[in-house]
Protein backbone atom coordinates (compact mmCIF):
# COMPACT_ATOMS: atom_id res chain seq x y z
CA MET A 1 57.91 168.17 93.69
CA THR A 2 61.16 168.88 91.57
CA THR A 3 63.25 171.83 91.68
CA PRO A 4 64.31 173.63 88.37
CA PRO A 5 68.18 173.85 87.71
CA PRO A 6 69.99 177.02 88.45
CA PRO A 7 69.81 179.29 85.52
CA ASN A 8 73.66 179.37 84.93
CA VAL A 9 73.92 175.39 84.13
CA PRO A 10 73.36 174.49 80.64
CA PRO A 11 70.92 171.84 79.54
CA PRO A 12 72.16 168.28 79.13
CA THR A 13 73.30 167.51 75.31
CA GLU A 14 73.54 164.26 73.49
CA SER A 15 76.89 162.24 74.16
CA SER A 16 79.16 162.05 71.24
CA GLN A 17 80.31 158.58 71.91
CA PRO A 18 80.93 156.16 68.97
CA THR A 19 78.56 153.63 68.38
CA ALA A 20 80.84 151.25 66.68
CA ASP A 21 84.26 149.71 67.42
CA ALA A 22 86.97 152.37 67.91
CA TYR A 23 89.40 150.17 66.04
CA ALA A 24 89.03 149.69 62.19
CA ALA A 25 88.68 146.31 60.75
CA PRO A 26 91.70 144.84 58.86
CA PRO A 27 91.73 145.39 55.16
CA ALA A 28 89.98 142.56 53.21
CA ASP A 29 92.86 142.50 50.60
CA GLY A 30 95.46 140.77 52.88
CA SER A 31 97.84 143.80 53.01
CA TYR A 32 97.43 143.87 56.83
CA THR A 33 100.45 143.28 59.06
CA PRO A 34 100.07 143.04 62.77
CA VAL A 35 102.01 145.31 64.80
CA PRO A 36 104.85 143.28 66.75
CA ALA A 37 104.69 143.38 70.55
CA PRO A 38 107.33 145.76 72.07
CA LYS A 39 110.48 143.87 72.73
CA LYS A 40 111.47 143.63 76.48
CA SER A 41 114.83 145.09 77.59
CA LYS A 42 117.75 142.86 78.20
CA LEU A 43 119.50 145.35 80.37
CA PRO A 44 118.01 143.93 83.77
CA LEU A 45 119.34 140.67 82.95
CA ILE A 46 122.63 141.85 81.87
CA LEU A 47 122.95 143.99 85.21
CA ALA A 48 121.90 140.70 87.23
CA ALA A 49 124.70 138.68 85.49
CA VAL A 50 127.28 141.44 86.01
CA GLY A 51 126.42 141.65 89.71
CA VAL A 52 126.55 137.79 90.40
CA ALA A 53 130.08 137.73 88.61
CA VAL A 54 131.40 140.70 90.54
CA LEU A 55 130.03 138.78 93.92
CA LEU A 56 131.64 135.57 92.80
CA ILE A 57 134.91 137.46 92.29
CA ALA A 58 134.83 139.30 95.49
CA ILE A 59 134.20 135.84 97.36
CA ALA A 60 137.17 134.24 95.36
CA ILE A 61 139.54 137.11 96.22
CA GLY A 62 138.52 137.13 100.02
CA GLY A 63 138.93 133.52 100.21
CA THR A 64 142.22 133.56 98.76
CA LEU A 65 143.41 136.36 101.04
CA TRP A 66 141.93 134.56 103.93
CA PHE A 67 143.73 131.42 103.06
CA VAL A 68 147.05 132.79 102.17
CA GLY A 69 147.08 135.09 105.38
CA ARG A 70 146.23 132.31 107.87
CA ASN A 71 149.87 131.34 107.77
CA ASP A 72 151.12 134.78 108.99
CA LEU A 73 153.67 134.32 111.70
CA THR A 74 153.18 137.08 114.53
CA LYS A 75 156.21 138.39 116.49
CA GLU A 76 154.96 136.61 119.68
CA GLN A 77 154.86 133.27 117.87
CA ALA A 78 158.06 133.56 116.46
CA GLN A 79 159.55 134.59 119.82
CA ARG A 80 157.98 131.36 121.50
CA GLU A 81 159.36 129.29 118.73
CA CYS A 82 162.92 130.88 118.63
CA ARG A 83 163.07 130.54 122.46
CA THR A 84 162.54 126.69 122.19
CA ALA A 85 164.83 126.63 119.16
CA ILE A 86 167.62 128.38 120.76
CA GLU A 87 167.35 126.38 124.13
CA ARG A 88 167.62 123.19 122.06
CA GLU A 89 170.65 124.34 120.09
CA ALA A 90 172.46 125.26 123.27
CA GLU A 91 171.76 121.98 124.79
CA ARG A 92 173.05 120.15 121.57
CA ARG A 93 176.05 122.23 121.35
CA ALA A 94 176.98 121.95 125.05
CA GLY A 95 176.29 118.15 125.15
CA LEU A 96 178.93 117.30 122.55
CA GLY A 97 181.57 116.67 125.07
CA ASN A 98 181.57 113.44 127.05
CA ASN A 99 180.95 113.39 130.92
CA ILE A 100 179.26 116.98 130.93
CA LEU A 101 176.08 117.71 132.52
CA VAL A 102 174.37 120.42 130.98
CA SER A 103 171.88 122.51 132.85
CA MET A 104 169.69 125.24 131.16
CA THR A 105 169.37 128.22 133.28
CA GLY A 106 167.18 130.13 130.76
CA VAL A 107 167.09 131.89 127.31
CA GLU A 108 166.94 135.61 127.37
CA LEU A 109 165.59 137.12 124.10
CA GLN A 110 167.12 140.47 122.90
CA GLU A 111 165.80 142.37 119.74
CA THR A 112 163.26 140.90 117.27
CA TRP A 113 162.82 142.20 113.84
CA GLU A 114 160.68 141.35 110.83
CA THR A 115 162.50 140.11 107.52
CA GLU A 116 161.25 139.41 104.12
CA GLU A 117 160.39 135.65 104.99
CA GLY A 118 159.51 135.95 108.72
CA TRP A 119 161.24 137.05 111.82
CA SER A 120 164.65 137.28 113.35
CA VAL A 121 165.48 136.86 117.01
CA ASN A 122 168.62 137.45 118.82
CA GLY A 123 168.72 135.42 122.05
CA THR A 124 171.40 134.35 124.67
CA ALA A 125 171.17 130.80 126.19
CA ASN A 126 172.44 130.73 129.60
CA TYR A 127 173.50 127.23 131.00
CA THR A 128 175.66 125.63 133.44
CA LEU A 129 178.13 122.91 132.54
CA THR A 130 179.14 120.18 135.29
CA SER A 131 182.06 117.91 134.93
CA ALA A 132 184.23 115.96 137.19
CA LEU A 133 187.38 117.97 136.27
CA LEU A 134 185.92 121.63 136.39
CA GLY A 135 182.86 121.23 138.53
CA GLN A 136 180.00 123.85 137.72
CA THR A 137 180.82 126.27 134.99
CA PRO A 138 178.31 128.93 134.26
CA THR A 139 178.30 129.83 130.42
CA SER A 140 176.17 131.43 127.78
CA VAL A 141 176.08 131.42 123.91
CA GLY A 142 174.60 134.35 121.67
CA LEU A 143 172.61 132.97 118.88
CA THR A 144 170.36 134.20 116.25
CA CYS A 145 166.88 132.43 115.16
CA GLU A 146 165.12 132.89 112.08
CA ALA A 147 161.51 131.76 112.11
CA VAL A 148 159.54 131.38 108.98
CA ALA A 149 156.09 130.21 108.47
CA THR A 150 155.60 127.06 106.17
CA ASP A 151 152.54 124.92 105.46
CA ASP A 152 153.60 122.37 107.72
CA GLY A 153 154.05 125.01 110.78
CA VAL A 154 156.94 127.15 111.64
CA ARG A 155 160.53 126.38 110.61
CA THR A 156 163.26 127.60 112.85
CA THR A 157 167.11 128.00 111.87
CA VAL A 158 169.46 128.67 114.68
CA LYS A 159 173.02 130.09 113.96
CA ASN A 160 175.77 131.88 115.76
CA ARG A 161 174.94 135.69 116.41
CA LEU A 162 177.66 137.89 114.61
């Protein structure tokens, strides 16, 4: 047994779907030109190329800054290099006379300041001169050392303190 449809539902009608192709056939006279396929945008390719270029430039700049910055001379390095340079210069100056024994007792560093090229360090070299005529004579000399970073390391120049 089948149940009748409710009274408010309309009866089914025939479908109005086309029986032939929905696309018309090309005209037989040869005047038909096919529609070209839509062109793909070049914008994603351009954006990718720009992104790669920016990345390469950033790497080049970062590498250059790292390479240039690696020869930076710190204050502590300059003081260490200058302590040695002042000691050597004091020994060289004191040993210019004959028959004199030079004994370094120490190097005292005073002020250190940064210059355009590197660092300058004021220091005092304390040493004892021993000779047959004078015995032991404690003395000191005030010197200024300039330390500059080069490709070969640190270059120091020692001169009299003014």
